[in-house]
């Protein structure tokens, strides 16, 4: 059904823990997205970058 979709992870830039997942299209470049999200390990809002 969703053959052109890939699951990626958002990893914290400070502690490198993967906290969030998202489903994106295969044609989009991986690593381009960076969001400010809450990291449960750091216990604060940090930048999260997209990883595979």
PDB file of N, CA and C in Angstrom:
ATOM      1  N   UNK A   1       0.830  -1.184   0.000  1.00  0.00           N
ATOM      2  CA  UNK A   1       0.000   0.000   0.000  1.00  0.00           C
ATOM      3  C   UNK A   1       0.876   1.250   0.000  1.00  0.00           C
ATOM      4  N   UNK A   2       1.826   1.343   0.902  1.00  0.00           N
ATOM      5  CA  UNK A   2       2.673   2.533   0.985  1.00  0.00           C
ATOM      6  C   UNK A   2       4.098   2.153   0.606  1.00  0.00           C
ATOM      7  N   UNK A   3       4.304   1.816  -0.660  1.00  0.00           N
ATOM      8  CA  UNK A   3       5.602   1.322  -1.101  1.00  0.00           C
ATOM      9  C   UNK A   3       6.652   2.421  -1.190  1.00  0.00           C
ATOM     10  N   UNK A   4       6.233   3.656  -1.344  1.00  0.00           N
ATOM     11  CA  UNK A   4       7.195   4.745  -1.472  1.00  0.00           C
ATOM     12  C   UNK A   4       7.347   5.528  -0.175  1.00  0.00           C
ATOM     13  N   UNK A   5       7.160   4.874   0.955  1.00  0.00           N
ATOM     14  CA  UNK A   5       7.287   5.498   2.270  1.00  0.00           C
ATOM     15  C   UNK A   5       8.412   4.836   3.058  1.00  0.00           C
ATOM     16  N   UNK A   6       9.100   5.628   3.884  1.00  0.00           N
ATOM     17  CA  UNK A   6      10.199   5.141   4.714  1.00  0.00           C
ATOM     18  C   UNK A   6      10.017   5.676   6.122  1.00  0.00           C
ATOM     19  N   UNK A   7      10.279   4.855   7.132  1.00  0.00           N
ATOM     20  CA  UNK A   7      10.231   5.300   8.519  1.00  0.00           C
ATOM     21  C   UNK A   7      11.595   5.844   8.908  1.00  0.00           C
ATOM     22  N   UNK A   8      11.628   7.083   9.382  1.00  0.00           N
ATOM     23  CA  UNK A   8      12.865   7.694   9.844  1.00  0.00           C
ATOM     24  C   UNK A   8      12.728   8.037  11.316  1.00  0.00           C
ATOM     25  N   UNK A   9      13.843   8.300  11.961  1.00  0.00           N
ATOM     26  CA  UNK A   9      13.861   8.624  13.378  1.00  0.00           C
ATOM     27  C   UNK A   9      14.390  10.033  13.574  1.00  0.00           C
ATOM     28  N   UNK A  10      13.955  10.686  14.644  1.00  0.00           N
ATOM     29  CA  UNK A  10      14.506  11.975  15.044  1.00  0.00           C
ATOM     30  C   UNK A  10      15.380  11.733  16.266  1.00  0.00           C
ATOM     31  N   UNK A  11      16.665  12.074  16.154  1.00  0.00           N
ATOM     32  CA  UNK A  11      17.624  11.840  17.231  1.00  0.00           C
ATOM     33  C   UNK A  11      18.039  13.160  17.856  1.00  0.00           C
ATOM     34  N   UNK A  12      18.194  13.164  19.167  1.00  0.00           N
ATOM     35  CA  UNK A  12      18.626  14.345  19.906  1.00  0.00           C
ATOM     36  C   UNK A  12      20.071  14.670  19.519  1.00  0.00           C
ATOM     37  N   UNK A  13      20.362  15.956  19.323  1.00  0.00           N
ATOM     38  CA  UNK A  13      21.718  16.347  18.914  1.00  0.00           C
ATOM     39  C   UNK A  13      22.690  16.336  20.089  1.00  0.00           C
ATOM     40  N   UNK A  14      22.198  16.372  21.318  1.00  0.00           N
ATOM     41  CA  UNK A  14      23.095  16.397  22.468  1.00  0.00           C
ATOM     42  C   UNK A  14      23.422  14.995  22.984  1.00  0.00           C
ATOM     43  N   UNK A  15      22.412  14.160  23.199  1.00  0.00           N
ATOM     44  CA  UNK A  15      22.665  12.829  23.765  1.00  0.00           C
ATOM     45  C   UNK A  15      22.550  11.707  22.732  1.00  0.00           C
ATOM     46  N   UNK A  16      22.140  12.016  21.510  1.00  0.00           N
ATOM     47  CA  UNK A  16      22.040  11.075  20.381  1.00  0.00           C
ATOM     48  C   UNK A  16      20.983   9.981  20.567  1.00  0.00           C
ATOM     49  N   UNK A  17      20.047  10.165  21.472  1.00  0.00           N
ATOM     50  CA  UNK A  17      18.976   9.191  21.653  1.00  0.00           C
ATOM     51  C   UNK A  17      17.888   9.422  20.624  1.00  0.00           C
ATOM     52  N   UNK A  18      17.374   8.340  20.042  1.00  0.00           N
ATOM     53  CA  UNK A  18      16.289   8.424  19.068  1.00  0.00           C
ATOM     54  C   UNK A  18      14.960   8.427  19.813  1.00  0.00           C
ATOM     55  N   UNK A  19      14.285   9.569  19.796  1.00  0.00           N
ATOM     56  CA  UNK A  19      13.066   9.735  20.581  1.00  0.00           C
ATOM     57  C   UNK A  19      11.788   9.654  19.769  1.00  0.00           C
ATOM     58  N   UNK A  20      11.806  10.067  18.522  1.00  0.00           N
ATOM     59  CA  UNK A  20      10.600  10.171  17.720  1.00  0.00           C
ATOM     60  C   UNK A  20      10.775   9.449  16.395  1.00  0.00           C
ATOM     61  N   UNK A  21       9.648   8.952  15.825  1.00  0.00           N
ATOM     62  CA  UNK A  21       9.659   8.351  14.498  1.00  0.00           C
ATOM     63  C   UNK A  21       8.676   9.105  13.626  1.00  0.00           C
ATOM     64  N   UNK A  22       8.913   9.029  12.306  1.00  0.00           N
ATOM     65  CA  UNK A  22       7.994   9.636  11.355  1.00  0.00           C
ATOM     66  C   UNK A  22       8.083   8.873  10.046  1.00  0.00           C
ATOM     67  N   UNK A  23       7.010   8.939   9.255  1.00  0.00           N
ATOM     68  CA  UNK A  23       6.967   8.268   7.963  1.00  0.00           C
ATOM     69  C   UNK A  23       7.030   9.350   6.895  1.00  0.00           C
ATOM     70  N   UNK A  24       8.013   9.233   5.985  1.00  0.00           N
ATOM     71  CA  UNK A  24       8.216  10.224   4.927  1.00  0.00           C
ATOM     72  C   UNK A  24       8.348   9.517   3.588  1.00  0.00           C
ATOM     73  N   UNK A  25       8.235  10.270   2.513  1.00  0.00           N
ATOM     74  CA  UNK A  25       8.404   9.737   1.171  1.00  0.00           C
ATOM     75  C   UNK A  25       9.861   9.434   0.876  1.00  0.00           C
ATOM     76  N   UNK A  26      10.110   8.454   0.011  1.00  0.00           N
ATOM     77  CA  UNK A  26      11.480   8.041  -0.310  1.00  0.00           C
ATOM     78  C   UNK A  26      12.244   9.115  -1.075  1.00  0.00           C
ATOM     79  N   UNK A  27      11.570   9.954  -1.824  1.00  0.00           N
ATOM     80  CA  UNK A  27      12.239  10.944  -2.667  1.00  0.00           C
ATOM     81  C   UNK A  27      12.792  12.124  -1.873  1.00  0.00           C
ATOM     82  N   UNK A  28      12.344  12.308  -0.658  1.00  0.00           N
ATOM     83  CA  UNK A  28      12.820  13.422   0.162  1.00  0.00           C
ATOM     84  C   UNK A  28      14.187  13.085   0.746  1.00  0.00           C
ATOM     85  N   UNK A  29      15.065  14.061   0.870  1.00  0.00           N
ATOM     86  CA  UNK A  29      16.417  13.843   1.379  1.00  0.00           C
ATOM     87  C   UNK A  29      16.392  13.582   2.882  1.00  0.00           C
ATOM     88  N   UNK A  30      17.036  12.510   3.319  1.00  0.00           N
ATOM     89  CA  UNK A  30      17.120  12.183   4.736  1.00  0.00           C
ATOM     90  C   UNK A  30      18.194  13.056   5.375  1.00  0.00           C
ATOM     91  N   UNK A  31      17.925  13.557   6.561  1.00  0.00           N
ATOM     92  CA  UNK A  31      18.883  14.390   7.269  1.00  0.00           C
ATOM     93  C   UNK A  31      18.628  15.869   7.108  1.00  0.00           C
ATOM     94  N   UNK A  32      17.640  16.241   6.310  1.00  0.00           N
ATOM     95  CA  UNK A  32      17.385  17.649   6.050  1.00  0.00           C
ATOM     96  C   UNK A  32      16.534  18.288   7.154  1.00  0.00           C
ATOM     97  N   UNK A  33      15.780  17.490   7.880  1.00  0.00           N
ATOM     98  CA  UNK A  33      14.842  18.019   8.862  1.00  0.00           C
ATOM     99  C   UNK A  33      15.486  18.156  10.236  1.00  0.00           C
ATOM    100  N   UNK A  34      15.249  19.302  10.891  1.00  0.00           N
ATOM    101  CA  UNK A  34      15.709  19.531  12.265  1.00  0.00           C
ATOM    102  C   UNK A  34      14.611  20.277  13.010  1.00  0.00           C
ATOM    103  N   UNK A  35      14.133  19.710  14.100  1.00  0.00           N
ATOM    104  CA  UNK A  35      13.047  20.288  14.883  1.00  0.00           C
ATOM    105  C   UNK A  35      13.459  20.418  16.338  1.00  0.00           C
ATOM    106  N   UNK A  36      12.841  21.364  17.042  1.00  0.00           N
ATOM    107  CA  UNK A  36      13.028  21.462  18.490  1.00  0.00           C
ATOM    108  C   UNK A  36      11.954  20.613  19.147  1.00  0.00           C
ATOM    109  N   UNK A  37      12.388  19.534  19.818  1.00  0.00           N
ATOM    110  CA  UNK A  37      11.469  18.624  20.491  1.00  0.00           C
ATOM    111  C   UNK A  37      11.958  18.385  21.916  1.00  0.00           C
ATOM    112  N   UNK A  38      11.095  17.801  22.740  1.00  0.00           N
ATOM    113  CA  UNK A  38      11.456  17.479  24.114  1.00  0.00           C
ATOM    114  C   UNK A  38      12.196  16.153  24.147  1.00  0.00           C
ATOM    115  N   UNK A  39      13.357  16.122  24.790  1.00  0.00           N
ATOM    116  CA  UNK A  39      14.133  14.903  24.965  1.00  0.00           C
ATOM    117  C   UNK A  39      13.925  14.405  26.392  1.00  0.00           C
ATOM    118  N   UNK A  40      13.431  13.174  26.518  1.00  0.00           N
ATOM    119  CA  UNK A  40      13.149  12.622  27.847  1.00  0.00           C
ATOM    120  C   UNK A  40      14.432  12.276  28.595  1.00  0.00           C
ATOM    121  N   UNK A  41      15.513  12.041  27.885  1.00  0.00           N
ATOM    122  CA  UNK A  41      16.777  11.728  28.535  1.00  0.00           C
ATOM    123  C   UNK A  41      17.460  12.991  29.070  1.00  0.00           C
ATOM    124  N   UNK A  42      17.463  14.062  28.272  1.00  0.00           N
ATOM    125  CA  UNK A  42      18.062  15.342  28.687  1.00  0.00           C
ATOM    126  C   UNK A  42      17.122  16.144  29.587  1.00  0.00           C
ATOM    127  N   UNK A  43      15.838  15.838  29.519  1.00  0.00           N
ATOM    128  CA  UNK A  43      14.788  16.513  30.283  1.00  0.00           C
ATOM    129  C   UNK A  43      14.681  17.997  29.912  1.00  0.00           C
ATOM    130  N   UNK A  44      14.862  18.323  28.603  1.00  0.00           N
ATOM    131  CA  UNK A  44      14.683  19.687  28.125  1.00  0.00           C
ATOM    132  C   UNK A  44      14.443  19.667  26.621  1.00  0.00           C
ATOM    133  N   UNK A  45      14.046  20.800  26.068  1.00  0.00           N
ATOM    134  CA  UNK A  45      13.828  20.930  24.642  1.00  0.00           C
ATOM    135  C   UNK A  45      15.170  21.123  23.936  1.00  0.00           C
ATOM    136  N   UNK A  46      15.453  20.247  22.975  1.00  0.00           N
ATOM    137  CA  UNK A  46      16.700  20.312  22.223  1.00  0.00           C
ATOM    138  C   UNK A  46      16.389  20.123  20.743  1.00  0.00           C
ATOM    139  N   UNK A  47      17.374  20.399  19.888  1.00  0.00           N
ATOM    140  CA  UNK A  47      17.224  20.147  18.468  1.00  0.00           C
ATOM    141  C   UNK A  47      17.291  18.652  18.212  1.00  0.00           C
ATOM    142  N   UNK A  48      16.407  18.174  17.339  1.00  0.00           N
ATOM    143  CA  UNK A  48      16.395  16.776  16.938  1.00  0.00           C
ATOM    144  C   UNK A  48      16.572  16.731  15.431  1.00  0.00           C
ATOM    145  N   UNK A  49      17.571  15.976  14.964  1.00  0.00           N
ATOM    146  CA  UNK A  49      17.830  15.832  13.542  1.00  0.00           C
ATOM    147  C   UNK A  49      17.360  14.484  13.051  1.00  0.00           C
ATOM    148  N   UNK A  50      16.997  14.448  11.788  1.00  0.00           N
ATOM    149  CA  UNK A  50      16.472  13.234  11.174  1.00  0.00           C
ATOM    150  C   UNK A  50      17.593  12.249  10.864  1.00  0.00           C
ATOM    151  N   UNK A  51      17.393  10.988  11.240  1.00  0.00           N
ATOM    152  CA  UNK A  51      18.330   9.906  10.943  1.00  0.00           C
ATOM    153  C   UNK A  51      17.563   8.748  10.341  1.00  0.00           C
ATOM    154  N   UNK A  52      18.270   7.758   9.841  1.00  0.00           N
ATOM    155  CA  UNK A  52      17.602   6.582   9.270  1.00  0.00           C
ATOM    156  C   UNK A  52      17.216   5.596  10.297  1.00  0.00           C
TER     157      UNK A  52
END
